[in-house]
Amino acid sequence: MRIVGIADANPALARERAQAAGLQAMPLEALLASEAALILNLTPPQVHHAVGMRVLQAGKHFFTEKPLAATFAQGQELVALARSKGLRVGCAPDTFLGAAGQTLRALIDAGTVGTVRHGTAQFMNHGPDHWHPNPAFFYQPGGGPLHDVGVYYLTHLVNHFGPVARLRSTTHVTHAERRVPFGPCEGQVLPVAVPTHVVTQLEFASGPHIVLTSSFDVWKHGHAPMELYGDDGTLQGADPNQFGGTVRHNLRTGDWARAPGGRPYTTNSRGIGLIDMVLALQAGRPHRCSAEMALHVLEVMDLALEAGRRGEPLCPTTRCERPAPLEGRLT
């Protein structure tokens, strides 16, 4: 794999980054006309659709930062165009390919605690206001705690259990405006157009019922990122926004036992999903961060917000296969 060049809406920033990495900066039009076979997109979610459509229309494969698009309808358009052109779409997050996510998946698949029936997943912090240099877009459609970070948790759950069949949700716009408390944007007032506290009960087609909480309204909490409750014990997962971390389990009344280590990708390995896609293209196999999984996750997130507005359960129309497990390093 060879990086052809780098483009940005801000040409000066593209030149700065390209120089630091020993790459060539170029306008997006030039990148789309280049020999590159695949374009990696790292723009804010509100323009994922527009950029992706241009990439696919140029005949390039497309791998994008999460979520796939700002709305499910936009995601459908991207996937439909890719299919019509015989191109592939890949989408972050790829953290489920890390050591912790794959360890938890292996414990589930092995039936370590029996059949998993229930569980909780908890993403809660106070949002990116106090550390991000441009936090406003996090509070517009395509942003919010569920689409920004809850997407990691949901993607891990789909990796573990497959597609969601039904969901219920409660949503809350806690403040119509947020004043940045400190940091680079201290004092800036951010209008809020999306719920900032979302609690979703996910019913998976394979059986488990999992409650996912996603919030930008909590300064600190003591919940485990993920706990899965089986007939014979409990599994405790690590932070789905990271690649590594401690995975534990217990059996009935027994003590916690740490899962064995030895798997690769314990540190920040963002990009392995892209590398897996490149290798999959070369080998003619499915890539793990698939368009189908990304589209299903996006539909579930959009439906979670809609279910909160309507106060009734909703059922996704999409389905996806679980990605193949990753036993060792990508080769």
C-alpha atoms as a PDB file:
ATOM      1  CA  MET A   1       0.000   0.000   0.000  1.00  0.00           C
ATOM      2  CA  ARG A   2       1.338   3.416  -0.972  1.00  0.00           C
ATOM      3  CA  ILE A   3      -0.091   6.824  -0.045  1.00  0.00           C
ATOM      4  CA  VAL A   4      -0.460   8.925  -3.203  1.00  0.00           C
ATOM      5  CA  GLY A   5      -1.282  12.299  -1.681  1.00  0.00           C
ATOM      6  CA  ILE A   6      -3.246  14.400   0.760  1.00  0.00           C
ATOM      7  CA  ALA A   7      -6.053  16.908   0.170  1.00  0.00           C
ATOM      8  CA  ASP A   8      -7.980  19.281   2.411  1.00  0.00           C
ATOM      9  CA  ALA A   9     -10.563  22.033   2.036  1.00  0.00           C
ATOM     10  CA  ASN A  10      -7.837  24.245   3.530  1.00  0.00           C
ATOM     11  CA  PRO A  11      -4.892  23.996   1.072  1.00  0.00           C
ATOM     12  CA  ALA A  12      -2.456  25.481   3.611  1.00  0.00           C
ATOM     13  CA  LEU A  13      -3.314  22.740   6.097  1.00  0.00           C
ATOM     14  CA  ALA A  14      -2.892  20.089   3.413  1.00  0.00           C
ATOM     15  CA  ARG A  15       0.571  21.456   2.590  1.00  0.00           C
ATOM     16  CA  GLU A  16       1.527  21.523   6.276  1.00  0.00           C
ATOM     17  CA  ARG A  17       0.436  17.952   6.894  1.00  0.00           C
ATOM     18  CA  ALA A  18       1.901  16.678   3.642  1.00  0.00           C
ATOM     19  CA  GLN A  19       5.272  18.252   4.353  1.00  0.00           C
ATOM     20  CA  ALA A  20       5.360  16.752   7.851  1.00  0.00           C
ATOM     21  CA  ALA A  21       4.616  13.282   6.465  1.00  0.00           C
ATOM     22  CA  GLY A  22       6.746  13.488   3.345  1.00  0.00           C
ATOM     23  CA  LEU A  23       3.692  13.371   1.070  1.00  0.00           C
ATOM     24  CA  GLN A  24       2.321  15.431  -1.808  1.00  0.00           C
ATOM     25  CA  ALA A  25      -0.456  17.952  -1.176  1.00  0.00           C
ATOM     26  CA  MET A  26      -2.983  18.348  -3.968  1.00  0.00           C
ATOM     27  CA  PRO A  27      -6.520  19.648  -4.570  1.00  0.00           C
ATOM     28  CA  LEU A  28      -9.266  17.071  -4.109  1.00  0.00           C
ATOM     29  CA  GLU A  29      -9.935  17.140  -7.861  1.00  0.00           C
ATOM     30  CA  ALA A  30      -6.321  16.127  -8.508  1.00  0.00           C
ATOM     31  CA  LEU A  31      -6.480  13.376  -5.889  1.00  0.00           C
ATOM     32  CA  LEU A  32      -9.656  11.999  -7.460  1.00  0.00           C
ATOM     33  CA  ALA A  33      -7.953  12.014 -10.876  1.00  0.00           C
ATOM     34  CA  SER A  34      -4.789  10.362  -9.548  1.00  0.00           C
ATOM     35  CA  GLU A  35      -3.721   6.719  -9.585  1.00  0.00           C
ATOM     36  CA  ALA A  36      -5.124   6.227  -6.059  1.00  0.00           C
ATOM     37  CA  ALA A  37      -7.484   3.255  -5.918  1.00  0.00           C
ATOM     38  CA  LEU A  38      -8.983   4.102  -2.527  1.00  0.00           C
ATOM     39  CA  ILE A  39      -9.691   7.412  -0.790  1.00  0.00           C
ATOM     40  CA  LEU A  40      -9.659   7.746   3.020  1.00  0.00           C
ATOM     41  CA  ASN A  41     -12.082  10.437   4.208  1.00  0.00           C
ATOM     42  CA  LEU A  42     -11.520  12.194   7.563  1.00  0.00           C
ATOM     43  CA  THR A  43     -13.959  15.106   7.241  1.00  0.00           C
ATOM     44  CA  PRO A  44     -16.740  15.992   9.728  1.00  0.00           C
ATOM     45  CA  PRO A  45     -19.850  13.782   9.377  1.00  0.00           C
ATOM     46  CA  GLN A  46     -21.993  16.487   7.796  1.00  0.00           C
ATOM     47  CA  VAL A  47     -19.971  16.200   4.549  1.00  0.00           C
ATOM     48  CA  HIS A  48     -19.281  12.453   4.477  1.00  0.00           C
ATOM     49  CA  HIS A  49     -22.057  11.992   1.911  1.00  0.00           C
ATOM     50  CA  ALA A  50     -20.920  14.766  -0.416  1.00  0.00           C
ATOM     51  CA  VAL A  51     -17.278  13.658  -0.340  1.00  0.00           C
ATOM     52  CA  GLY A  52     -18.183   9.994  -0.667  1.00  0.00           C
ATOM     53  CA  MET A  53     -20.389  10.570  -3.695  1.00  0.00           C
ATOM     54  CA  ARG A  54     -17.555  12.420  -5.436  1.00  0.00           C
ATOM     55  CA  VAL A  55     -15.080   9.662  -4.603  1.00  0.00           C
ATOM     56  CA  LEU A  56     -17.363   6.894  -5.876  1.00  0.00           C
ATOM     57  CA  GLN A  57     -18.308   8.839  -9.004  1.00  0.00           C
ATOM     58  CA  ALA A  58     -14.579   9.132  -9.707  1.00  0.00           C
ATOM     59  CA  GLY A  59     -14.343   5.320  -9.643  1.00  0.00           C
ATOM     60  CA  LYS A  60     -12.452   5.041  -6.347  1.00  0.00           C
ATOM     61  CA  HIS A  61     -13.133   2.812  -3.369  1.00  0.00           C
ATOM     62  CA  PHE A  62     -14.117   4.815  -0.283  1.00  0.00           C
ATOM     63  CA  PHE A  63     -13.208   4.401   3.401  1.00  0.00           C
ATOM     64  CA  THR A  64     -14.652   7.021   5.724  1.00  0.00           C
ATOM     65  CA  GLU A  65     -14.478   8.184   9.295  1.00  0.00           C
ATOM     66  CA  LYS A  66     -17.571   7.289  11.317  1.00  0.00           C
ATOM     67  CA  PRO A  67     -20.472   7.527  10.933  1.00  0.00           C
ATOM     68  CA  LEU A  68     -21.053   6.483   7.327  1.00  0.00           C
ATOM     69  CA  ALA A  69     -23.066   9.671   6.720  1.00  0.00           C
ATOM     70  CA  ALA A  70     -25.038  12.271   8.651  1.00  0.00           C
ATOM     71  CA  THR A  71     -28.327  10.428   7.949  1.00  0.00           C
ATOM     72  CA  PHE A  72     -29.429   6.911   7.056  1.00  0.00           C
ATOM     73  CA  ALA A  73     -30.878   8.147   3.742  1.00  0.00           C
ATOM     74  CA  GLN A  74     -27.488   9.566   2.781  1.00  0.00           C
ATOM     75  CA  GLY A  75     -25.813   6.309   3.787  1.00  0.00           C
ATOM     76  CA  GLN A  76     -28.222   4.376   1.562  1.00  0.00           C
ATOM     77  CA  GLU A  77     -27.281   6.593  -1.383  1.00  0.00           C
ATOM     78  CA  LEU A  78     -23.570   5.981  -0.849  1.00  0.00           C
ATOM     79  CA  VAL A  79     -23.936   2.216  -0.597  1.00  0.00           C
ATOM     80  CA  ALA A  80     -26.275   2.043  -3.605  1.00  0.00           C
ATOM     81  CA  LEU A  81     -23.866   4.055  -5.774  1.00  0.00           C
ATOM     82  CA  ALA A  82     -20.929   1.883  -4.718  1.00  0.00           C
ATOM     83  CA  ARG A  83     -22.825  -1.294  -5.580  1.00  0.00           C
ATOM     84  CA  SER A  84     -23.875   0.071  -8.963  1.00  0.00           C
ATOM     85  CA  LYS A  85     -20.254   0.826  -9.804  1.00  0.00           C
ATOM     86  CA  GLY A  86     -18.764  -2.366  -8.378  1.00  0.00           C
ATOM     87  CA  LEU A  87     -16.849  -0.385  -5.743  1.00  0.00           C
ATOM     88  CA  ARG A  88     -16.375  -0.959  -2.029  1.00  0.00           C
ATOM     89  CA  VAL A  89     -17.203   1.269   0.914  1.00  0.00           C
ATOM     90  CA  GLY A  90     -15.553   0.824   4.302  1.00  0.00           C
ATOM     91  CA  CYS A  91     -16.243   2.748   7.475  1.00  0.00           C
ATOM     92  CA  ALA A  92     -14.777   3.304  10.915  1.00  0.00           C
ATOM     93  CA  PRO A  93     -14.784   2.501  13.748  1.00  0.00           C
ATOM     94  CA  ASP A  94     -12.239  -0.283  13.518  1.00  0.00           C
ATOM     95  CA  THR A  95     -11.574  -0.548  17.258  1.00  0.00           C
ATOM     96  CA  PHE A  96     -13.553  -3.816  17.386  1.00  0.00           C
ATOM     97  CA  LEU A  97     -10.562  -5.350  15.590  1.00  0.00           C
ATOM     98  CA  GLY A  98      -8.368  -4.543  18.597  1.00  0.00           C
ATOM     99  CA  ALA A  99      -7.232  -6.983  21.257  1.00  0.00           C
ATOM    100  CA  ALA A 100     -10.001  -6.190  23.753  1.00  0.00           C
ATOM    101  CA  GLY A 101     -12.858  -6.351  21.265  1.00  0.00           C
ATOM    102  CA  GLN A 102     -11.628  -9.589  19.713  1.00  0.00           C
ATOM    103  CA  THR A 103     -11.028 -11.154  23.129  1.00  0.00           C
ATOM    104  CA  LEU A 104     -14.585 -10.367  24.200  1.00  0.00           C
ATOM    105  CA  ARG A 105     -15.943 -11.691  20.882  1.00  0.00           C
ATOM    106  CA  ALA A 106     -13.995 -14.949  21.380  1.00  0.00           C
ATOM    107  CA  LEU A 107     -15.392 -15.390  24.905  1.00  0.00           C
ATOM    108  CA  ILE A 108     -18.933 -14.860  23.597  1.00  0.00           C
ATOM    109  CA  ASP A 109     -18.446 -17.259  20.682  1.00  0.00           C
ATOM    110  CA  ALA A 110     -16.976 -19.900  23.003  1.00  0.00           C
ATOM    111  CA  GLY A 111     -20.000 -19.722  25.326  1.00  0.00           C
ATOM    112  CA  THR A 112     -17.747 -18.878  28.284  1.00  0.00           C
ATOM    113  CA  VAL A 113     -20.662 -17.582  30.393  1.00  0.00           C
ATOM    114  CA  GLY A 114     -23.380 -19.493  28.584  1.00  0.00           C
ATOM    115  CA  THR A 115     -25.905 -17.755  26.370  1.00  0.00           C
ATOM    116  CA  VAL A 116     -25.778 -13.978  26.765  1.00  0.00           C
ATOM    117  CA  ARG A 117     -29.276 -12.695  27.547  1.00  0.00           C
ATOM    118  CA  HIS A 118     -28.828  -9.097  28.678  1.00  0.00           C
ATOM    119  CA  GLY A 119     -26.217  -6.398  29.053  1.00  0.00           C
ATOM    120  CA  THR A 120     -25.334  -2.749  29.411  1.00  0.00           C
ATOM    121  CA  ALA A 121     -23.029  -0.440  27.477  1.00  0.00           C
ATOM    122  CA  GLN A 122     -22.203   2.995  28.875  1.00  0.00           C
ATOM    123  CA  PHE A 123     -20.669   5.928  27.037  1.00  0.00           C
ATOM    124  CA  MET A 124     -20.982   9.043  29.172  1.00  0.00           C
ATOM    125  CA  ASN A 125     -18.836  12.170  29.338  1.00  0.00           C
ATOM    126  CA  HIS A 126     -19.324  15.920  29.072  1.00  0.00           C
ATOM    127  CA  GLY A 127     -18.773  16.173  25.358  1.00  0.00           C
ATOM    128  CA  PRO A 128     -15.873  17.632  23.382  1.00  0.00           C
ATOM    129  CA  ASP A 129     -16.615  21.275  24.288  1.00  0.00           C
ATOM    130  CA  HIS A 130     -13.666  21.920  26.583  1.00  0.00           C
ATOM    131  CA  TRP A 131     -10.927  20.286  24.479  1.00  0.00           C
ATOM    132  CA  HIS A 132     -11.929  20.360  20.808  1.00  0.00           C
ATOM    133  CA  PRO A 133     -10.900  23.431  18.753  1.00  0.00           C
ATOM    134  CA  ASN A 134     -14.150  23.324  16.731  1.00  0.00           C
ATOM    135  CA  PRO A 135     -16.860  21.594  18.801  1.00  0.00           C
ATOM    136  CA  ALA A 136     -19.988  23.118  17.212  1.00  0.00           C
ATOM    137  CA  PHE A 137     -20.579  20.333  14.660  1.00  0.00           C
ATOM    138  CA  PHE A 138     -20.866  17.734  17.429  1.00  0.00           C
ATOM    139  CA  TYR A 139     -24.281  19.229  18.287  1.00  0.00           C
ATOM    140  CA  GLN A 140     -25.720  19.190  14.770  1.00  0.00           C
ATOM    141  CA  PRO A 141     -27.339  16.284  12.848  1.00  0.00           C
ATOM    142  CA  GLY A 142     -24.754  13.566  12.326  1.00  0.00           C
ATOM    143  CA  GLY A 143     -23.206  14.484  15.675  1.00  0.00           C
ATOM    144  CA  GLY A 144     -24.353  14.024  19.274  1.00  0.00           C
ATOM    145  CA  PRO A 145     -23.145  11.425  21.769  1.00  0.00           C
ATOM    146  CA  LEU A 146     -24.681   8.427  19.997  1.00  0.00           C
ATOM    147  CA  HIS A 147     -23.389   9.190  16.492  1.00  0.00           C
ATOM    148  CA  ASP A 148     -20.012  10.480  17.728  1.00  0.00           C
ATOM    149  CA  VAL A 149     -18.915   7.922  20.341  1.00  0.00           C
ATOM    150  CA  GLY A 150     -21.894   5.638  20.980  1.00  0.00           C
ATOM    151  CA  VAL A 151     -21.199   4.391  17.450  1.00  0.00           C
ATOM    152  CA  TYR A 152     -18.098   2.604  18.800  1.00  0.00           C
ATOM    153  CA  TYR A 153     -20.170   0.766  21.393  1.00  0.00           C
ATOM    154  CA  LEU A 154     -22.925  -0.112  18.931  1.00  0.00           C
ATOM    155  CA  THR A 155     -20.425  -1.353  16.329  1.00  0.00           C
ATOM    156  CA  HIS A 156     -18.787  -3.589  18.947  1.00  0.00           C
ATOM    157  CA  LEU A 157     -22.201  -4.998  19.900  1.00  0.00           C
ATOM    158  CA  VAL A 158     -23.065  -5.727  16.254  1.00  0.00           C
ATOM    159  CA  ASN A 159     -19.659  -7.408  15.881  1.00  0.00           C
ATOM    160  CA  HIS A 160     -20.471  -9.556  18.913  1.00  0.00           C
ATOM    161  CA  PHE A 161     -24.140 -10.372  18.270  1.00  0.00           C
ATOM    162  CA  GLY A 162     -25.059  -9.439  14.705  1.00  0.00           C
ATOM    163  CA  PRO A 163     -27.865  -7.091  13.647  1.00  0.00           C
ATOM    164  CA  VAL A 164     -30.446  -5.323  15.794  1.00  0.00           C
ATOM    165  CA  ALA A 165     -34.041  -6.463  15.186  1.00  0.00           C
ATOM    166  CA  ARG A 166     -35.953  -3.977  17.351  1.00  0.00           C
ATOM    167  CA  LEU A 167     -35.251  -1.026  19.618  1.00  0.00           C
ATOM    168  CA  ARG A 168     -36.808   1.418  22.050  1.00  0.00           C
ATOM    169  CA  SER A 169     -35.280   4.705  23.118  1.00  0.00           C
ATOM    170  CA  THR A 170     -35.615   7.763  25.320  1.00  0.00           C
ATOM    171  CA  THR A 171     -33.838  10.949  24.274  1.00  0.00           C
ATOM    172  CA  HIS A 172     -33.249  14.306  25.910  1.00  0.00           C
ATOM    173  CA  VAL A 173     -31.887  17.630  24.680  1.00  0.00           C
ATOM    174  CA  THR A 174     -30.655  18.664  28.112  1.00  0.00           C
ATOM    175  CA  HIS A 175     -29.707  22.236  27.110  1.00  0.00           C
ATOM    176  CA  ALA A 176     -30.831  24.064  23.976  1.00  0.00           C
ATOM    177  CA  GLU A 177     -27.510  25.934  24.115  1.00  0.00           C
ATOM    178  CA  ARG A 178     -24.207  24.976  25.695  1.00  0.00           C
ATOM    179  CA  ARG A 179     -21.603  27.441  26.888  1.00  0.00           C
ATOM    180  CA  VAL A 180     -18.074  26.029  26.632  1.00  0.00           C
ATOM    181  CA  PRO A 181     -16.778  25.979  30.252  1.00  0.00           C
ATOM    182  CA  PHE A 182     -13.033  26.173  29.564  1.00  0.00           C
ATOM    183  CA  GLY A 183     -10.423  25.232  26.975  1.00  0.00           C
ATOM    184  CA  PRO A 184      -9.658  26.702  23.533  1.00  0.00           C
ATOM    185  CA  CYS A 185     -13.286  27.787  22.920  1.00  0.00           C
ATOM    186  CA  GLU A 186     -14.093  28.977  26.450  1.00  0.00           C
ATOM    187  CA  GLY A 187     -17.242  31.090  26.527  1.00  0.00           C
ATOM    188  CA  GLN A 188     -18.453  30.097  23.054  1.00  0.00           C
ATOM    189  CA  VAL A 189     -22.191  29.341  22.932  1.00  0.00           C
ATOM    190  CA  LEU A 190     -23.078  26.221  20.945  1.00  0.00           C
ATOM    191  CA  PRO A 191     -26.632  25.715  19.634  1.00  0.00           C
ATOM    192  CA  VAL A 192     -27.825  22.138  20.200  1.00  0.00           C
ATOM    193  CA  ALA A 193     -29.903  20.452  17.475  1.00  0.00           C
ATOM    194  CA  VAL A 194     -29.576  16.803  18.586  1.00  0.00           C
ATOM    195  CA  PRO A 195     -30.285  14.882  21.820  1.00  0.00           C
ATOM    196  CA  THR A 196     -27.371  14.898  24.234  1.00  0.00           C
ATOM    197  CA  HIS A 197     -28.591  12.020  26.437  1.00  0.00           C
ATOM    198  CA  VAL A 198     -29.861   8.876  24.704  1.00  0.00           C
ATOM    199  CA  VAL A 199     -30.848   5.570  26.357  1.00  0.00           C
ATOM    200  CA  THR A 200     -31.622   2.769  23.907  1.00  0.00           C
ATOM    201  CA  GLN A 201     -32.807  -0.787  24.530  1.00  0.00           C
ATOM    202  CA  LEU A 202     -31.473  -2.919  21.691  1.00  0.00           C
ATOM    203  CA  GLU A 203     -33.067  -6.268  20.886  1.00  0.00           C
ATOM    204  CA  PHE A 204     -30.654  -8.275  18.750  1.00  0.00           C
ATOM    205  CA  ALA A 205     -31.910 -10.792  16.205  1.00  0.00           C
ATOM    206  CA  SER A 206     -29.681 -13.398  17.886  1.00  0.00           C
ATOM    207  CA  GLY A 207     -31.434 -12.902  21.229  1.00  0.00           C
ATOM    208  CA  PRO A 208     -29.657 -10.512  23.645  1.00  0.00           C
ATOM    209  CA  HIS A 209     -31.323  -7.368  24.994  1.00  0.00           C
ATOM    210  CA  ILE A 210     -28.701  -4.671  25.637  1.00  0.00           C
ATOM    211  CA  VAL A 211     -29.225  -1.181  27.080  1.00  0.00           C
ATOM    212  CA  LEU A 212     -26.892   1.412  25.525  1.00  0.00           C
ATOM    213  CA  THR A 213     -26.533   4.818  27.190  1.00  0.00           C
ATOM    214  CA  SER A 214     -24.856   7.641  25.222  1.00  0.00           C
ATOM    215  CA  SER A 215     -24.463  11.027  26.894  1.00  0.00           C
ATOM    216  CA  PHE A 216     -22.657  14.360  26.634  1.00  0.00           C
ATOM    217  CA  ASP A 217     -24.181  15.462  29.968  1.00  0.00           C
ATOM    218  CA  VAL A 218     -22.075  13.574  32.530  1.00  0.00           C
ATOM    219  CA  TRP A 219     -18.813  14.815  34.055  1.00  0.00           C
ATOM    220  CA  LYS A 220     -17.850  11.530  35.701  1.00  0.00           C
ATOM    221  CA  HIS A 221     -19.265   8.054  36.331  1.00  0.00           C
ATOM    222  CA  GLY A 222     -18.193   4.652  37.654  1.00  0.00           C
ATOM    223  CA  HIS A 223     -19.949   2.246  35.268  1.00  0.00           C
ATOM    224  CA  ALA A 224     -18.078  -0.401  33.304  1.00  0.00           C
ATOM    225  CA  PRO A 225     -18.008   0.424  29.576  1.00  0.00           C
ATOM    226  CA  MET A 226     -19.713  -2.875  28.752  1.00  0.00           C
ATOM    227  CA  GLU A 227     -21.129  -5.777  30.755  1.00  0.00           C
ATOM    228  CA  LEU A 228     -22.815  -8.808  29.234  1.00  0.00           C
ATOM    229  CA  TYR A 229     -24.918 -11.111  31.390  1.00  0.00           C
ATOM    230  CA  GLY A 230     -25.096 -14.822  30.503  1.00  0.00           C
ATOM    231  CA  ASP A 231     -26.819 -17.845  31.962  1.00  0.00           C
ATOM    232  CA  ASP A 232     -23.619 -18.900  33.744  1.00  0.00           C
ATOM    233  CA  GLY A 233     -21.807 -15.626  34.499  1.00  0.00           C
ATOM    234  CA  THR A 234     -20.840 -12.151  33.390  1.00  0.00           C
ATOM    235  CA  LEU A 235     -18.452 -10.736  30.796  1.00  0.00           C
ATOM    236  CA  GLN A 236     -16.934  -7.300  31.336  1.00  0.00           C
ATOM    237  CA  GLY A 237     -15.478  -5.516  28.312  1.00  0.00           C
ATOM    238  CA  ALA A 238     -13.057  -2.611  27.912  1.00  0.00           C
ATOM    239  CA  ASP A 239     -13.691   0.837  26.421  1.00  0.00           C
ATOM    240  CA  PRO A 240     -14.896   0.283  22.813  1.00  0.00           C
ATOM    241  CA  ASN A 241     -13.244   3.576  21.821  1.00  0.00           C
ATOM    242  CA  GLN A 242      -9.860   1.939  22.502  1.00  0.00           C
ATOM    243  CA  PHE A 243      -8.102  -1.091  21.040  1.00  0.00           C
ATOM    244  CA  GLY A 244      -6.758  -2.577  24.255  1.00  0.00           C
ATOM    245  CA  GLY A 245      -7.888  -2.829  27.846  1.00  0.00           C
ATOM    246  CA  THR A 246      -8.802  -5.430  30.425  1.00  0.00           C
ATOM    247  CA  VAL A 247     -11.491  -8.005  29.647  1.00  0.00           C
ATOM    248  CA  ARG A 248     -12.811 -10.033  32.590  1.00  0.00           C
ATOM    249  CA  HIS A 249     -15.383 -12.717  33.258  1.00  0.00           C
ATOM    250  CA  ASN A 250     -16.794 -14.644  36.170  1.00  0.00           C
ATOM    251  CA  LEU A 251     -18.787 -17.839  36.549  1.00  0.00           C
ATOM    252  CA  ARG A 252     -21.819 -17.764  38.844  1.00  0.00           C
ATOM    253  CA  THR A 253     -20.678 -16.709  42.312  1.00  0.00           C
ATOM    254  CA  GLY A 254     -16.988 -16.878  41.477  1.00  0.00           C
ATOM    255  CA  ASP A 255     -14.493 -14.029  41.397  1.00  0.00           C
ATOM    256  CA  TRP A 256     -13.510 -12.040  38.333  1.00  0.00           C
ATOM    257  CA  ALA A 257     -10.877 -13.680  36.135  1.00  0.00           C
ATOM    258  CA  ARG A 258      -8.879 -11.713  33.594  1.00  0.00           C
ATOM    259  CA  ALA A 259      -9.096 -13.053  30.050  1.00  0.00           C
ATOM    260  CA  PRO A 260      -5.801 -14.261  28.594  1.00  0.00           C
ATOM    261  CA  GLY A 261      -3.793 -11.758  26.547  1.00  0.00           C
ATOM    262  CA  GLY A 262      -1.514 -12.253  23.579  1.00  0.00           C
ATOM    263  CA  ARG A 263      -3.677 -10.710  20.880  1.00  0.00           C
ATOM    264  CA  PRO A 264      -2.275  -7.919  18.691  1.00  0.00           C
ATOM    265  CA  TYR A 265      -3.414  -4.282  18.506  1.00  0.00           C
ATOM    266  CA  THR A 266      -3.486  -3.331  22.171  1.00  0.00           C
ATOM    267  CA  THR A 267      -2.435   0.296  21.572  1.00  0.00           C
ATOM    268  CA  ASN A 268      -3.869   3.012  19.331  1.00  0.00           C
ATOM    269  CA  SER A 269      -4.081   1.237  15.968  1.00  0.00           C
ATOM    270  CA  ARG A 270      -6.578   3.430  14.116  1.00  0.00           C
ATOM    271  CA  GLY A 271      -6.302   2.558  10.467  1.00  0.00           C
ATOM    272  CA  ILE A 272      -6.243  -1.240  10.715  1.00  0.00           C
ATOM    273  CA  GLY A 273      -9.758  -1.300   9.267  1.00  0.00           C
ATOM    274  CA  LEU A 274      -8.439   0.540   6.209  1.00  0.00           C
ATOM    275  CA  ILE A 275      -5.488  -1.856   5.945  1.00  0.00           C
ATOM    276  CA  ASP A 276      -7.865  -4.826   6.241  1.00  0.00           C
ATOM    277  CA  MET A 277      -9.911  -3.359   3.373  1.00  0.00           C
ATOM    278  CA  VAL A 278      -6.818  -2.992   1.177  1.00  0.00           C
ATOM    279  CA  LEU A 279      -5.782  -6.598   1.903  1.00  0.00           C
ATOM    280  CA  ALA A 280      -9.352  -7.776   1.273  1.00  0.00           C
ATOM    281  CA  LEU A 281      -9.408  -6.053  -2.109  1.00  0.00           C
ATOM    282  CA  GLN A 282      -6.155  -7.769  -3.025  1.00  0.00           C
ATOM    283  CA  ALA A 283      -7.360 -11.180  -1.791  1.00  0.00           C
ATOM    284  CA  GLY A 284     -10.930 -10.903  -3.091  1.00  0.00           C
ATOM    285  CA  ARG A 285     -12.465 -11.477   0.353  1.00  0.00           C
ATOM    286  CA  PRO A 286     -14.967  -9.366   2.352  1.00  0.00           C
ATOM    287  CA  HIS A 287     -13.482  -6.562   4.445  1.00  0.00           C
ATOM    288  CA  ARG A 288     -14.453  -6.402   8.092  1.00  0.00           C
ATOM    289  CA  CYS A 289     -15.462  -2.723   8.373  1.00  0.00           C
ATOM    290  CA  SER A 290     -18.122  -3.346   5.748  1.00  0.00           C
ATOM    291  CA  ALA A 291     -20.605  -0.995   4.117  1.00  0.00           C
ATOM    292  CA  GLU A 292     -23.427  -3.276   5.250  1.00  0.00           C
ATOM    293  CA  MET A 293     -22.433  -3.114   8.922  1.00  0.00           C
ATOM    294  CA  ALA A 294     -21.839   0.657   8.782  1.00  0.00           C
ATOM    295  CA  LEU A 295     -25.221   1.231   7.113  1.00  0.00           C
ATOM    296  CA  HIS A 296     -26.997  -0.961   9.671  1.00  0.00           C
ATOM    297  CA  VAL A 297     -25.302   0.853  12.572  1.00  0.00           C
ATOM    298  CA  LEU A 298     -26.264   4.211  11.048  1.00  0.00           C
ATOM    299  CA  GLU A 299     -29.890   3.126  10.633  1.00  0.00           C
ATOM    300  CA  VAL A 300     -30.023   1.887  14.238  1.00  0.00           C
ATOM    301  CA  MET A 301     -28.639   5.223  15.496  1.00  0.00           C
ATOM    302  CA  ASP A 302     -31.104   7.251  13.445  1.00  0.00           C
ATOM    303  CA  LEU A 303     -33.968   5.016  14.598  1.00  0.00           C
ATOM    304  CA  ALA A 304     -32.871   5.412  18.222  1.00  0.00           C
ATOM    305  CA  LEU A 305     -33.390   9.171  17.934  1.00  0.00           C
ATOM    306  CA  GLU A 306     -36.679   8.676  16.061  1.00  0.00           C
ATOM    307  CA  ALA A 307     -37.929   6.147  18.639  1.00  0.00           C
ATOM    308  CA  GLY A 308     -37.191   8.686  21.352  1.00  0.00           C
ATOM    309  CA  ARG A 309     -39.239  11.326  19.522  1.00  0.00           C
ATOM    310  CA  ARG A 310     -42.145   8.970  18.834  1.00  0.00           C
ATOM    311  CA  GLY A 311     -42.125   7.034  22.099  1.00  0.00           C
ATOM    312  CA  GLU A 312     -42.599   3.674  20.400  1.00  0.00           C
ATOM    313  CA  PRO A 313     -40.442   0.706  19.369  1.00  0.00           C
ATOM    314  CA  LEU A 314     -38.992   0.637  15.851  1.00  0.00           C
ATOM    315  CA  CYS A 315     -37.440  -2.068  13.675  1.00  0.00           C
ATOM    316  CA  PRO A 316     -34.450  -1.571  11.356  1.00  0.00           C
ATOM    317  CA  THR A 317     -34.900  -2.510   7.707  1.00  0.00           C
ATOM    318  CA  THR A 318     -31.237  -3.433   7.160  1.00  0.00           C
ATOM    319  CA  ARG A 319     -29.297  -6.511   8.176  1.00  0.00           C
ATOM    320  CA  CYS A 320     -25.597  -7.367   8.115  1.00  0.00           C
ATOM    321  CA  GLU A 321     -23.329 -10.315   8.724  1.00  0.00           C
ATOM    322  CA  ARG A 322     -20.962 -10.341  11.676  1.00  0.00           C
ATOM    323  CA  PRO A 323     -17.411  -9.595  10.506  1.00  0.00           C
ATOM    324  CA  ALA A 324     -14.986 -12.496  10.456  1.00  0.00           C
ATOM    325  CA  PRO A 325     -13.022 -12.665  13.720  1.00  0.00           C
ATOM    326  CA  LEU A 326      -9.400 -11.511  13.684  1.00  0.00           C
ATOM    327  CA  GLU A 327      -7.213 -14.189  15.229  1.00  0.00           C
ATOM    328  CA  GLY A 328      -3.811 -12.528  14.742  1.00  0.00           C
ATOM    329  CA  ARG A 329      -2.108  -9.713  12.906  1.00  0.00           C
ATOM    330  CA  LEU A 330      -3.352  -8.588   9.514  1.00  0.00           C
ATOM    331  CA  THR A 331      -1.232 -10.112   6.777  1.00  0.00           C
END
